[in-house]
N, C-alpha and C. Protein backbone atom coordinates (compact mmCIF):
# COMPACT_ATOMS: atom_id res chain seq x y z
N MET A 1 13.92 44.97 34.52
CA MET A 1 13.01 43.87 34.36
C MET A 1 11.57 44.30 34.61
N LYS A 2 11.35 45.16 35.59
CA LYS A 2 10.00 45.63 35.89
C LYS A 2 9.46 46.46 34.73
N LYS A 3 10.32 47.13 34.00
CA LYS A 3 9.88 47.94 32.86
C LYS A 3 9.53 47.05 31.66
N LEU A 4 10.18 45.90 31.55
CA LEU A 4 9.93 45.00 30.43
C LEU A 4 8.63 44.21 30.60
N LEU A 5 8.25 43.94 31.83
CA LEU A 5 7.07 43.14 32.07
C LEU A 5 5.80 43.75 31.47
N PRO A 6 5.49 45.05 31.68
CA PRO A 6 4.30 45.63 31.05
C PRO A 6 4.40 45.60 29.52
N LEU A 7 5.61 45.79 29.00
CA LEU A 7 5.80 45.75 27.55
C LEU A 7 5.52 44.35 27.01
N LEU A 8 5.98 43.33 27.71
CA LEU A 8 5.73 41.95 27.28
C LEU A 8 4.24 41.61 27.37
N VAL A 9 3.57 42.10 28.40
CA VAL A 9 2.13 41.86 28.54
C VAL A 9 1.38 42.53 27.39
N LEU A 10 1.78 43.73 27.05
CA LEU A 10 1.16 44.46 25.94
C LEU A 10 1.35 43.72 24.62
N ILE A 11 2.54 43.23 24.38
CA ILE A 11 2.84 42.49 23.14
C ILE A 11 2.01 41.20 23.09
N ALA A 12 1.93 40.51 24.23
CA ALA A 12 1.15 39.27 24.27
C ALA A 12 -0.33 39.55 23.98
N ALA A 13 -0.85 40.64 24.54
CA ALA A 13 -2.25 41.00 24.31
C ALA A 13 -2.49 41.33 22.84
N LEU A 14 -1.59 42.07 22.23
CA LEU A 14 -1.72 42.41 20.80
C LEU A 14 -1.69 41.15 19.93
N LEU A 15 -0.80 40.23 20.26
CA LEU A 15 -0.73 38.99 19.48
C LEU A 15 -2.01 38.17 19.65
N ALA A 16 -2.57 38.15 20.83
CA ALA A 16 -3.80 37.40 21.07
C ALA A 16 -4.96 38.00 20.26
N VAL A 17 -5.05 39.32 20.23
CA VAL A 17 -6.10 39.99 19.46
C VAL A 17 -5.92 39.72 17.98
N GLN A 18 -4.67 39.79 17.51
CA GLN A 18 -4.40 39.57 16.09
C GLN A 18 -4.72 38.13 15.69
N SER A 19 -4.36 37.15 16.51
CA SER A 19 -4.65 35.76 16.17
C SER A 19 -6.15 35.49 16.20
N GLY A 20 -6.87 36.16 17.09
CA GLY A 20 -8.33 36.04 17.12
C GLY A 20 -8.96 36.59 15.86
N ALA A 21 -8.44 37.73 15.39
CA ALA A 21 -8.96 38.32 14.16
C ALA A 21 -8.66 37.41 12.96
N THR A 22 -7.48 36.80 12.95
CA THR A 22 -7.11 35.88 11.87
C THR A 22 -8.03 34.66 11.88
N ALA A 23 -8.35 34.16 13.06
CA ALA A 23 -9.24 33.00 13.16
C ALA A 23 -10.64 33.36 12.65
N GLN A 24 -11.10 34.57 12.95
CA GLN A 24 -12.42 35.00 12.46
C GLN A 24 -12.43 35.11 10.94
N LYS A 25 -11.34 35.63 10.36
CA LYS A 25 -11.25 35.74 8.91
C LYS A 25 -11.28 34.36 8.26
N LYS A 26 -10.55 33.41 8.85
CA LYS A 26 -10.53 32.05 8.31
C LYS A 26 -11.91 31.42 8.40
N ALA A 27 -12.60 31.65 9.50
CA ALA A 27 -13.95 31.10 9.65
C ALA A 27 -14.89 31.71 8.62
N ALA A 28 -14.74 33.00 8.36
CA ALA A 28 -15.59 33.67 7.37
C ALA A 28 -15.30 33.14 5.97
N LYS A 29 -14.03 32.83 5.69
CA LYS A 29 -13.68 32.28 4.38
C LYS A 29 -14.27 30.89 4.22
N GLY A 30 -14.43 30.18 5.30
CA GLY A 30 -14.99 28.83 5.25
C GLY A 30 -16.43 28.83 4.78
N LYS A 31 -17.16 29.89 5.05
CA LYS A 31 -18.53 30.02 4.58
C LYS A 31 -18.47 30.46 3.13
N THR A 32 -19.01 29.66 2.26
CA THR A 32 -18.89 29.97 0.84
C THR A 32 -20.03 30.85 0.37
N ALA A 33 -19.73 31.58 -0.67
CA ALA A 33 -20.76 32.41 -1.32
C ALA A 33 -21.74 31.52 -2.06
N THR A 34 -21.33 30.28 -2.36
CA THR A 34 -22.19 29.35 -3.08
C THR A 34 -23.48 29.10 -2.31
N THR A 35 -23.34 28.84 -1.03
CA THR A 35 -24.51 28.56 -0.22
C THR A 35 -25.43 29.76 -0.21
N ALA A 36 -24.85 30.95 -0.06
CA ALA A 36 -25.67 32.17 -0.05
C ALA A 36 -26.34 32.37 -1.41
N ALA A 37 -25.60 32.12 -2.49
CA ALA A 37 -26.16 32.31 -3.83
C ALA A 37 -27.31 31.33 -4.07
N LYS A 38 -27.15 30.09 -3.62
CA LYS A 38 -28.22 29.11 -3.80
C LYS A 38 -29.44 29.51 -2.99
N ASP A 39 -29.21 30.00 -1.77
CA ASP A 39 -30.33 30.42 -0.94
C ASP A 39 -31.04 31.61 -1.56
N ASP A 40 -30.27 32.54 -2.17
CA ASP A 40 -30.87 33.71 -2.80
C ASP A 40 -31.73 33.31 -4.00
N ARG A 41 -31.33 32.26 -4.73
CA ARG A 41 -32.05 31.83 -5.93
C ARG A 41 -33.29 31.04 -5.57
N LYS A 42 -33.34 30.49 -4.37
CA LYS A 42 -34.44 29.62 -3.97
C LYS A 42 -35.76 30.36 -4.12
N ASN A 43 -36.69 29.73 -4.81
CA ASN A 43 -38.06 30.23 -4.98
C ASN A 43 -38.15 31.54 -5.78
N VAL A 44 -37.08 31.97 -6.42
CA VAL A 44 -37.15 33.17 -7.25
C VAL A 44 -37.60 32.79 -8.65
N ASP A 45 -36.91 31.85 -9.27
CA ASP A 45 -37.27 31.37 -10.60
C ASP A 45 -37.85 29.96 -10.45
N PRO A 46 -38.85 29.62 -11.27
CA PRO A 46 -39.45 28.29 -11.12
C PRO A 46 -38.54 27.19 -11.65
N ALA A 47 -38.53 26.08 -10.95
CA ALA A 47 -37.79 24.90 -11.40
C ALA A 47 -38.62 24.23 -12.49
N VAL A 48 -37.98 23.88 -13.61
CA VAL A 48 -38.71 23.30 -14.73
C VAL A 48 -38.17 21.93 -15.15
N GLY A 49 -37.13 21.45 -14.51
CA GLY A 49 -36.58 20.15 -14.87
C GLY A 49 -35.25 19.93 -14.20
N THR A 50 -34.51 18.94 -14.70
CA THR A 50 -33.19 18.64 -14.17
C THR A 50 -32.22 18.36 -15.31
N THR A 51 -30.94 18.50 -15.02
CA THR A 51 -29.92 18.12 -15.99
C THR A 51 -29.74 16.62 -15.92
N ALA A 52 -28.95 16.06 -16.83
CA ALA A 52 -28.72 14.62 -16.84
C ALA A 52 -28.05 14.15 -15.55
N ASP A 53 -27.25 15.04 -14.92
CA ASP A 53 -26.59 14.65 -13.67
C ASP A 53 -27.36 15.09 -12.42
N GLY A 54 -28.62 15.48 -12.58
CA GLY A 54 -29.49 15.72 -11.43
C GLY A 54 -29.56 17.13 -10.88
N LYS A 55 -28.92 18.10 -11.52
CA LYS A 55 -28.99 19.48 -11.04
C LYS A 55 -30.32 20.11 -11.47
N THR A 56 -30.92 20.87 -10.59
CA THR A 56 -32.21 21.49 -10.88
C THR A 56 -32.07 22.58 -11.93
N VAL A 57 -32.94 22.54 -12.94
CA VAL A 57 -32.95 23.54 -14.01
C VAL A 57 -34.08 24.53 -13.73
N TYR A 58 -33.75 25.82 -13.78
CA TYR A 58 -34.71 26.89 -13.55
C TYR A 58 -34.98 27.62 -14.85
N GLU A 59 -36.14 28.26 -14.91
CA GLU A 59 -36.45 29.12 -16.06
C GLU A 59 -36.36 30.55 -15.58
N GLY A 60 -35.48 31.34 -16.23
CA GLY A 60 -35.29 32.72 -15.86
C GLY A 60 -36.44 33.61 -16.29
N SER A 61 -36.41 34.84 -15.86
CA SER A 61 -37.50 35.77 -16.15
C SER A 61 -37.63 36.08 -17.64
N LYS A 62 -36.55 35.90 -18.39
CA LYS A 62 -36.59 36.16 -19.83
C LYS A 62 -36.73 34.86 -20.63
N GLY A 63 -36.95 33.74 -19.94
CA GLY A 63 -37.21 32.48 -20.64
C GLY A 63 -36.01 31.57 -20.79
N GLY A 64 -34.82 31.96 -20.38
CA GLY A 64 -33.65 31.10 -20.48
C GLY A 64 -33.68 30.01 -19.43
N HIS A 65 -33.07 28.88 -19.72
CA HIS A 65 -33.02 27.76 -18.79
C HIS A 65 -31.60 27.62 -18.28
N TYR A 66 -31.46 27.47 -16.97
CA TYR A 66 -30.14 27.39 -16.37
C TYR A 66 -30.16 26.54 -15.11
N TYR A 67 -28.96 26.13 -14.69
CA TYR A 67 -28.79 25.52 -13.37
C TYR A 67 -27.69 26.30 -12.67
N LEU A 68 -27.57 26.11 -11.37
CA LEU A 68 -26.55 26.81 -10.60
C LEU A 68 -25.33 25.92 -10.43
N SER A 69 -24.14 26.44 -10.79
CA SER A 69 -22.91 25.68 -10.62
C SER A 69 -22.56 25.60 -9.14
N ASP A 70 -21.51 24.86 -8.83
CA ASP A 70 -21.07 24.74 -7.44
C ASP A 70 -20.66 26.09 -6.86
N LYS A 71 -20.24 27.01 -7.71
CA LYS A 71 -19.85 28.35 -7.25
C LYS A 71 -21.04 29.30 -7.16
N GLY A 72 -22.21 28.85 -7.61
CA GLY A 72 -23.40 29.69 -7.56
C GLY A 72 -23.66 30.46 -8.83
N ASP A 73 -22.85 30.22 -9.87
CA ASP A 73 -23.04 30.91 -11.15
C ASP A 73 -24.13 30.21 -11.96
N LYS A 74 -24.81 30.98 -12.80
CA LYS A 74 -25.80 30.40 -13.70
C LYS A 74 -25.09 29.77 -14.89
N VAL A 75 -25.47 28.55 -15.21
CA VAL A 75 -24.96 27.85 -16.39
C VAL A 75 -26.17 27.55 -17.26
N TYR A 76 -26.24 28.19 -18.42
CA TYR A 76 -27.40 28.04 -19.29
C TYR A 76 -27.34 26.73 -20.07
N VAL A 77 -28.51 26.11 -20.25
CA VAL A 77 -28.60 24.83 -20.93
C VAL A 77 -29.68 24.90 -22.00
N LYS A 78 -29.55 24.03 -22.99
CA LYS A 78 -30.56 23.96 -24.05
C LYS A 78 -31.48 22.77 -23.82
N ASP A 79 -30.91 21.62 -23.54
CA ASP A 79 -31.69 20.41 -23.29
C ASP A 79 -31.60 20.02 -21.83
N PHE A 80 -32.70 19.53 -21.28
CA PHE A 80 -32.70 19.05 -19.91
C PHE A 80 -33.88 18.11 -19.74
N VAL A 81 -33.81 17.30 -18.73
CA VAL A 81 -34.88 16.35 -18.44
C VAL A 81 -36.08 17.14 -17.94
N GLY A 82 -37.22 16.93 -18.56
CA GLY A 82 -38.42 17.66 -18.17
C GLY A 82 -38.79 18.76 -19.14
N ALA A 83 -37.91 19.04 -20.11
CA ALA A 83 -38.23 20.06 -21.12
C ALA A 83 -39.36 19.53 -21.99
N LYS A 84 -40.28 20.39 -22.33
CA LYS A 84 -41.41 19.96 -23.15
C LYS A 84 -41.02 20.10 -24.62
N ILE A 85 -40.63 18.98 -25.22
CA ILE A 85 -40.22 18.95 -26.62
C ILE A 85 -41.45 18.58 -27.44
N VAL A 86 -41.78 19.43 -28.43
CA VAL A 86 -43.00 19.21 -29.22
C VAL A 86 -42.73 18.88 -30.67
N GLY A 87 -41.47 18.82 -31.06
CA GLY A 87 -41.16 18.49 -32.44
C GLY A 87 -39.69 18.72 -32.75
N LYS A 88 -39.36 18.63 -34.04
CA LYS A 88 -37.98 18.85 -34.49
C LYS A 88 -37.99 19.74 -35.71
N THR A 89 -36.92 20.52 -35.88
CA THR A 89 -36.76 21.34 -37.08
C THR A 89 -36.23 20.45 -38.20
N LYS A 90 -36.12 21.00 -39.41
CA LYS A 90 -35.56 20.26 -40.53
C LYS A 90 -34.12 19.86 -40.25
N ASP A 91 -33.42 20.69 -39.45
CA ASP A 91 -32.02 20.41 -39.10
C ASP A 91 -31.89 19.38 -37.98
N GLY A 92 -33.00 18.98 -37.38
CA GLY A 92 -32.95 18.02 -36.28
C GLY A 92 -32.90 18.66 -34.90
N GLN A 93 -33.03 19.99 -34.83
CA GLN A 93 -33.05 20.68 -33.53
C GLN A 93 -34.38 20.40 -32.84
N ASN A 94 -34.34 20.25 -31.53
CA ASN A 94 -35.58 20.07 -30.77
C ASN A 94 -36.37 21.37 -30.75
N ILE A 95 -37.69 21.25 -30.91
CA ILE A 95 -38.58 22.41 -30.77
C ILE A 95 -39.24 22.28 -29.41
N PHE A 96 -39.09 23.32 -28.60
CA PHE A 96 -39.61 23.33 -27.24
C PHE A 96 -40.89 24.16 -27.18
N GLU A 97 -41.72 23.86 -26.18
CA GLU A 97 -42.89 24.70 -25.91
C GLU A 97 -42.64 25.43 -24.60
N GLY A 98 -42.76 26.74 -24.64
CA GLY A 98 -42.55 27.56 -23.46
C GLY A 98 -43.75 27.55 -22.53
N PRO A 99 -43.64 28.20 -21.39
CA PRO A 99 -44.71 28.18 -20.40
C PRO A 99 -45.98 28.89 -20.87
N LYS A 100 -45.85 29.78 -21.84
CA LYS A 100 -47.03 30.50 -22.36
C LYS A 100 -47.51 29.92 -23.68
N GLY A 101 -46.94 28.77 -24.09
CA GLY A 101 -47.39 28.10 -25.30
C GLY A 101 -46.58 28.41 -26.54
N GLY A 102 -45.62 29.33 -26.45
CA GLY A 102 -44.78 29.63 -27.61
C GLY A 102 -43.86 28.48 -27.93
N LYS A 103 -43.61 28.26 -29.22
CA LYS A 103 -42.74 27.18 -29.65
C LYS A 103 -41.46 27.77 -30.23
N PHE A 104 -40.32 27.19 -29.84
CA PHE A 104 -39.03 27.75 -30.23
C PHE A 104 -37.97 26.66 -30.26
N TYR A 105 -36.87 26.98 -30.91
CA TYR A 105 -35.66 26.16 -30.85
C TYR A 105 -34.48 27.08 -30.64
N TYR A 106 -33.34 26.51 -30.32
CA TYR A 106 -32.13 27.29 -30.10
C TYR A 106 -31.25 27.21 -31.35
N ASN A 107 -30.78 28.37 -31.84
CA ASN A 107 -29.87 28.35 -32.98
C ASN A 107 -28.44 28.09 -32.50
N ALA A 108 -27.48 28.09 -33.42
CA ALA A 108 -26.10 27.77 -33.08
C ALA A 108 -25.50 28.75 -32.08
N LYS A 109 -25.98 29.99 -32.06
CA LYS A 109 -25.48 30.99 -31.11
C LYS A 109 -26.12 30.85 -29.73
N GLY A 110 -27.15 30.01 -29.64
CA GLY A 110 -27.84 29.84 -28.36
C GLY A 110 -29.04 30.74 -28.21
N ASP A 111 -29.41 31.46 -29.28
CA ASP A 111 -30.58 32.34 -29.22
C ASP A 111 -31.85 31.52 -29.46
N LYS A 112 -32.94 31.97 -28.86
CA LYS A 112 -34.22 31.32 -29.11
C LYS A 112 -34.77 31.82 -30.43
N ILE A 113 -35.21 30.91 -31.27
CA ILE A 113 -35.87 31.24 -32.53
C ILE A 113 -37.28 30.69 -32.44
N TYR A 114 -38.25 31.57 -32.44
CA TYR A 114 -39.65 31.15 -32.33
C TYR A 114 -40.16 30.68 -33.68
N VAL A 115 -41.00 29.65 -33.65
CA VAL A 115 -41.60 29.10 -34.87
C VAL A 115 -43.12 29.25 -34.78
N LYS A 116 -43.73 29.38 -35.94
CA LYS A 116 -45.18 29.54 -36.00
C LYS A 116 -45.81 28.25 -36.47
N GLY A 117 -46.97 27.94 -35.91
CA GLY A 117 -47.81 26.87 -36.41
C GLY A 117 -47.32 25.45 -36.24
N LYS A 118 -46.39 25.17 -35.42
CA LYS A 118 -45.95 23.77 -35.22
C LYS A 118 -46.54 23.23 -33.98
């Protein structure tokens, strides 16, 4: 019995350490990458409007417009509240004015097509 007591104490200590490590892992999983991703995006790209459901739309360094999903991923958009629409194409596409004055619309593939003189 005296030989078993130190062994039982050792086993109990190992289990306590292991359960503590498991609790720390669970706590770390509770912190989402979404919050970190949103914090990382803060003040990097300028906010230029909002989506219909109120999510902030940013303009990327290459001119694309996006909002951050709940997971922190960029979701690109064509139309949003606050976009400066200056006209329409013959097809009925909105013509937007960019921050430097360039005028463009989005084609079916989602690419920007710049227009002259509108």
